[in-house]
């Protein structure tokens, strides 16, 4: 065991170096056009008007050189515009707002936690401390399973809560945008803790009868910050999927906190 640990420690500097080499290569390839233009721009700043006139006269008297320069310029410009990432825009979004009956203040939450008799005094004090420091306001909503006495922490209740949030948000979004569900080409669902089978993305596909060739992704276990990961995933998919970009299609990225 100690020898394996020593080997891992010895290999760690090499893996770090390889990581930076890959990052440097990626940066070099991604910005090759700009790196190529930098020396040309610096050289052009040292030229005078007479130099440009002589260059123009030279190219004018040499059609072959002029043609080669024109073809090279057009080729470089074409490669540049072809390699540029396609622009992706957020057209609309919806945040789900539960019913007023699910509104729960800090005091109400702590009372329900005490009545459940599932937590020790130390656990209750820790919960109160977390609520005070997490920005939990008097008009924050809580799930029905947490408000019941005793708390109804079952898979069935978790599924009902998830369906309420997912389908409520999607219904509002579809009503707001008037998008045809058959025009949706990408579906991304992110939920950190609750990951049932069938998956949440499969539940959405079956509920709204989305088309069979939809690109469906279900993210889980990465915390609330994975909402940014799901947005970045949607952006990259829209940039690289040629068959999706050929038509004006829509993407749904659903983040459940």
Protein backbone atom coordinates (compact mmCIF):
# COMPACT_ATOMS: atom_id res chain seq x y z
CA UNK A 1 0.00 0.00 0.00
CA UNK A 2 2.80 2.44 0.89
CA UNK A 3 4.62 1.71 -2.38
CA UNK A 4 1.42 2.39 -4.35
CA UNK A 5 0.95 5.70 -2.53
CA UNK A 6 4.56 6.66 -3.28
CA UNK A 7 4.07 5.79 -6.96
CA UNK A 8 0.93 7.93 -7.09
CA UNK A 9 2.79 10.83 -5.51
CA UNK A 10 5.63 10.42 -8.00
CA UNK A 11 3.23 10.38 -10.95
CA UNK A 12 1.26 13.40 -9.74
CA UNK A 13 3.76 16.05 -11.00
CA UNK A 14 3.76 14.38 -14.42
CA UNK A 15 -0.04 14.42 -14.60
CA UNK A 16 -0.06 18.12 -13.64
CA UNK A 17 2.50 18.89 -16.34
CA UNK A 18 0.47 16.92 -18.91
CA UNK A 19 -2.63 18.86 -17.91
CA UNK A 20 -0.93 22.19 -18.57
CA UNK A 21 0.51 20.90 -21.84
CA UNK A 22 -3.00 19.97 -23.00
CA UNK A 23 -4.35 23.35 -21.93
CA UNK A 24 -1.54 25.13 -23.77
CA UNK A 25 -2.12 23.06 -26.92
CA UNK A 26 -5.86 23.77 -26.79
CA UNK A 27 -5.21 27.49 -26.39
CA UNK A 28 -2.71 27.45 -29.24
CA UNK A 29 -5.06 25.67 -31.64
CA UNK A 30 -8.09 27.76 -30.64
CA UNK A 31 -6.22 31.03 -31.20
CA UNK A 32 -3.98 30.01 -34.10
CA UNK A 33 -5.48 32.65 -36.40
CA UNK A 34 -4.81 35.47 -33.96
CA UNK A 35 -1.30 34.22 -33.20
CA UNK A 36 -0.57 34.15 -36.95
CA UNK A 37 -1.86 37.69 -37.42
CA UNK A 38 0.12 39.22 -34.54
CA UNK A 39 3.53 39.29 -36.31
CA UNK A 40 1.91 40.55 -39.53
CA UNK A 41 0.22 43.36 -37.62
CA UNK A 42 3.46 44.31 -35.88
CA UNK A 43 5.34 44.28 -39.19
CA UNK A 44 2.70 46.41 -40.93
CA UNK A 45 2.99 49.12 -38.26
CA UNK A 46 6.62 49.71 -39.28
CA UNK A 47 5.77 50.24 -42.95
CA UNK A 48 5.27 53.65 -44.53
CA UNK A 49 2.80 54.73 -47.18
CA UNK A 50 5.50 54.44 -49.87
CA UNK A 51 6.06 50.81 -48.92
CA UNK A 52 2.38 49.99 -49.44
CA UNK A 53 2.46 51.83 -52.81
CA UNK A 54 5.49 49.78 -53.94
CA UNK A 55 3.80 46.57 -52.79
CA UNK A 56 0.62 47.45 -54.69
CA UNK A 57 2.58 48.25 -57.87
CA UNK A 58 4.51 45.00 -57.55
CA UNK A 59 1.33 42.95 -57.25
CA UNK A 60 -0.22 44.90 -60.11
CA UNK A 61 2.67 43.99 -62.39
CA UNK A 62 2.68 40.35 -61.25
CA UNK A 63 -0.82 38.84 -61.68
CA UNK A 64 0.29 35.45 -60.37
CA UNK A 65 1.51 36.90 -57.05
CA UNK A 66 -1.64 38.99 -56.77
CA UNK A 67 -3.82 35.92 -57.38
CA UNK A 68 -1.93 33.84 -54.80
CA UNK A 69 -2.24 36.60 -52.18
CA UNK A 70 -5.96 37.01 -52.90
CA UNK A 71 -6.59 33.24 -52.68
CA UNK A 72 -4.59 33.00 -49.44
CA UNK A 73 -6.52 35.91 -47.91
CA UNK A 74 -9.88 34.42 -48.89
CA UNK A 75 -8.81 30.98 -47.62
CA UNK A 76 -7.68 32.33 -44.25
CA UNK A 77 -10.84 34.42 -43.87
CA UNK A 78 -13.00 31.39 -44.73
CA UNK A 79 -11.19 29.18 -42.22
CA UNK A 80 -11.54 31.87 -39.58
CA UNK A 81 -15.29 32.28 -40.02
CA UNK A 82 -15.85 28.52 -40.29
CA UNK A 83 -13.96 27.84 -37.04
CA UNK A 84 -15.71 30.57 -35.10
CA UNK A 85 -18.21 29.13 -32.60
CA UNK A 86 -21.82 29.72 -33.53
CA UNK A 87 -23.65 32.28 -31.42
CA UNK A 88 -26.21 30.84 -28.98
CA UNK A 89 -28.85 33.04 -27.37
CA UNK A 90 -31.24 32.57 -24.47
CA UNK A 91 -34.67 33.32 -25.93
CA UNK A 92 -36.75 32.85 -22.78
CA UNK A 93 -36.81 31.27 -19.35
CA UNK A 94 -39.26 30.44 -16.57
CA UNK A 95 -38.83 30.03 -12.80
CA UNK A 96 -41.44 27.82 -11.16
CA UNK A 97 -43.38 29.42 -8.30
CA UNK A 98 -45.26 26.98 -6.02
CA UNK A 99 -48.66 27.54 -4.44
CA UNK A 100 -48.91 29.94 -1.46
CA UNK A 101 -49.71 27.00 0.82
CA UNK A 102 -46.12 25.78 0.50
CA UNK A 103 -44.65 29.05 1.78
CA UNK A 104 -42.59 28.39 4.89
CA UNK A 105 -40.71 30.81 7.16
CA UNK A 106 -37.73 29.94 9.33
CA UNK A 107 -39.91 29.73 12.44
CA UNK A 108 -42.40 27.42 10.74
CA UNK A 109 -39.67 25.16 9.44
CA UNK A 110 -38.01 24.85 12.86
CA UNK A 111 -41.36 24.10 14.53
CA UNK A 112 -42.09 21.33 12.03
CA UNK A 113 -38.58 19.93 12.54
CA UNK A 114 -39.11 19.88 16.34
CA UNK A 115 -42.56 18.27 16.04
CA UNK A 116 -41.18 15.50 13.83
CA UNK A 117 -39.01 14.28 16.77
CA UNK A 118 -36.43 13.04 14.30
CA UNK A 119 -33.61 15.40 15.24
CA UNK A 120 -31.52 15.93 18.35
CA UNK A 121 -31.02 19.33 19.98
CA UNK A 122 -27.62 19.56 18.36
CA UNK A 123 -29.08 18.84 14.90
CA UNK A 124 -31.85 21.42 15.41
CA UNK A 125 -29.31 24.05 16.45
CA UNK A 126 -27.24 23.26 13.39
CA UNK A 127 -30.30 23.56 11.12
CA UNK A 128 -31.20 26.92 12.64
CA UNK A 129 -27.65 28.16 12.10
CA UNK A 130 -27.72 27.06 8.45
CA UNK A 131 -31.09 28.75 7.87
CA UNK A 132 -29.84 32.03 9.32
CA UNK A 133 -26.72 32.06 7.13
CA UNK A 134 -28.21 30.71 3.89
CA UNK A 135 -30.47 33.66 3.07
CA UNK A 136 -33.64 31.71 3.85
CA UNK A 137 -36.36 34.39 3.84
CA UNK A 138 -39.93 34.50 5.25
CA UNK A 139 -41.39 33.88 1.78
CA UNK A 140 -39.31 30.85 0.88
CA UNK A 141 -41.13 27.74 -0.27
CA UNK A 142 -40.64 24.23 1.06
CA UNK A 143 -41.85 20.87 -0.20
CA UNK A 144 -45.07 19.40 1.16
CA UNK A 145 -43.24 16.34 2.49
CA UNK A 146 -41.17 18.57 4.83
CA UNK A 147 -44.22 20.47 6.09
CA UNK A 148 -46.15 17.32 7.04
CA UNK A 149 -46.02 16.12 10.64
CA UNK A 150 -44.36 13.66 10.75
CA UNK A 151 -42.27 14.39 7.68
CA UNK A 152 -43.27 12.18 4.77
CA UNK A 153 -39.85 11.46 3.30
CA UNK A 154 -40.70 8.80 0.72
CA UNK A 155 -39.76 8.15 -2.89
CA UNK A 156 -43.36 8.69 -3.94
CA UNK A 157 -43.49 12.16 -2.36
CA UNK A 158 -40.13 13.05 -3.91
CA UNK A 159 -41.45 12.00 -7.32
CA UNK A 160 -44.62 14.08 -6.86
CA UNK A 161 -42.59 17.13 -5.86
CA UNK A 162 -40.24 16.72 -8.82
CA UNK A 163 -43.13 16.34 -11.26
CA UNK A 164 -44.80 19.42 -9.80
CA UNK A 165 -41.67 21.53 -10.34
CA UNK A 166 -40.64 20.11 -13.73
CA UNK A 167 -44.03 19.99 -15.40
CA UNK A 168 -45.11 23.30 -13.87
CA UNK A 169 -42.05 25.08 -15.23
CA UNK A 170 -42.29 23.46 -18.68
CA UNK A 171 -46.03 24.15 -18.96
CA UNK A 172 -45.43 27.82 -18.19
CA UNK A 173 -42.52 27.97 -20.64
CA UNK A 174 -44.48 26.37 -23.48
CA UNK A 175 -47.44 28.67 -22.84
CA UNK A 176 -45.14 31.68 -22.75
CA UNK A 177 -43.20 30.89 -25.93
CA UNK A 178 -45.89 28.96 -27.87
CA UNK A 179 -43.28 26.48 -29.00
CA UNK A 180 -44.35 23.23 -30.64
CA UNK A 181 -42.97 20.29 -28.62
CA UNK A 182 -41.93 18.59 -31.87
CA UNK A 183 -39.50 21.47 -32.50
CA UNK A 184 -37.55 20.72 -29.30
CA UNK A 185 -34.26 19.09 -30.30
CA UNK A 186 -32.34 18.98 -26.99
CA UNK A 187 -33.49 18.25 -23.44
CA UNK A 188 -31.19 18.60 -20.41
CA UNK A 189 -32.41 17.88 -16.87
CA UNK A 190 -30.25 18.48 -13.81
CA UNK A 191 -31.19 17.34 -10.31
CA UNK A 192 -28.54 16.75 -7.68
CA UNK A 193 -30.12 14.38 -5.15
CA UNK A 194 -33.21 12.71 -6.62
CA UNK A 195 -32.26 10.45 -9.53
CA UNK A 196 -34.98 7.82 -10.03
CA UNK A 197 -35.44 5.19 -12.71
CA UNK A 198 -36.83 5.95 -15.28
CA UNK A 199 -34.77 9.12 -15.34
CA UNK A 200 -36.23 12.60 -14.99
CA UNK A 201 -35.45 13.36 -18.63
CA UNK A 202 -37.35 10.22 -19.68
CA UNK A 203 -40.33 11.40 -17.59
CA UNK A 204 -40.34 14.72 -19.46
CA UNK A 205 -40.05 13.00 -22.85
CA UNK A 206 -42.98 10.67 -22.08
CA UNK A 207 -45.12 13.42 -20.56
CA UNK A 208 -44.89 15.80 -23.52
CA UNK A 209 -44.52 13.16 -26.24
CA UNK A 210 -41.26 14.63 -27.50
CA UNK A 211 -39.88 13.28 -30.74
CA UNK A 212 -37.89 10.06 -30.82
CA UNK A 213 -34.55 11.48 -31.99
CA UNK A 214 -34.32 14.14 -29.26
CA UNK A 215 -30.91 14.56 -27.59
CA UNK A 216 -31.77 13.83 -23.96
CA UNK A 217 -29.33 14.28 -21.04
CA UNK A 218 -29.89 13.66 -17.34
CA UNK A 219 -27.32 15.22 -14.96
CA UNK A 220 -27.16 14.38 -11.28
CA UNK A 221 -25.01 14.30 -8.17
CA UNK A 222 -23.13 17.55 -8.86
CA UNK A 223 -24.96 20.05 -6.66
CA UNK A 224 -26.73 23.27 -7.59
CA UNK A 225 -23.67 24.53 -9.46
CA UNK A 226 -24.41 21.94 -12.16
CA UNK A 227 -27.06 24.37 -13.41
CA UNK A 228 -24.18 26.26 -15.06
CA UNK A 229 -22.82 22.98 -16.39
CA UNK A 230 -26.17 22.16 -18.01
CA UNK A 231 -26.31 25.59 -19.66
CA UNK A 232 -22.76 25.19 -20.98
CA UNK A 233 -23.61 21.68 -22.23
CA UNK A 234 -26.63 23.05 -24.09
CA UNK A 235 -24.50 25.81 -25.62
CA UNK A 236 -21.85 23.39 -26.83
CA UNK A 237 -24.42 20.97 -28.24
CA UNK A 238 -26.10 23.75 -30.20
CA UNK A 239 -22.70 24.80 -31.55
CA UNK A 240 -21.48 21.38 -32.69
CA UNK A 241 -24.63 19.44 -33.65
CA UNK A 242 -24.95 20.13 -37.37
CA UNK A 243 -28.29 18.34 -37.76
CA UNK A 244 -29.75 20.46 -34.96
CA UNK A 245 -28.39 23.75 -36.32
CA UNK A 246 -29.70 23.13 -39.83
CA UNK A 247 -33.20 24.04 -38.66
CA UNK A 248 -34.41 26.52 -36.09
CA UNK A 249 -34.95 24.27 -33.11
CA UNK A 250 -35.33 24.72 -29.39
CA UNK A 251 -33.60 23.46 -26.30
CA UNK A 252 -34.98 22.95 -22.79
CA UNK A 253 -32.51 23.02 -19.90
CA UNK A 254 -34.25 22.20 -16.62
CA UNK A 255 -32.44 22.79 -13.31
CA UNK A 256 -34.04 21.53 -10.10
CA UNK A 257 -32.54 22.87 -6.88
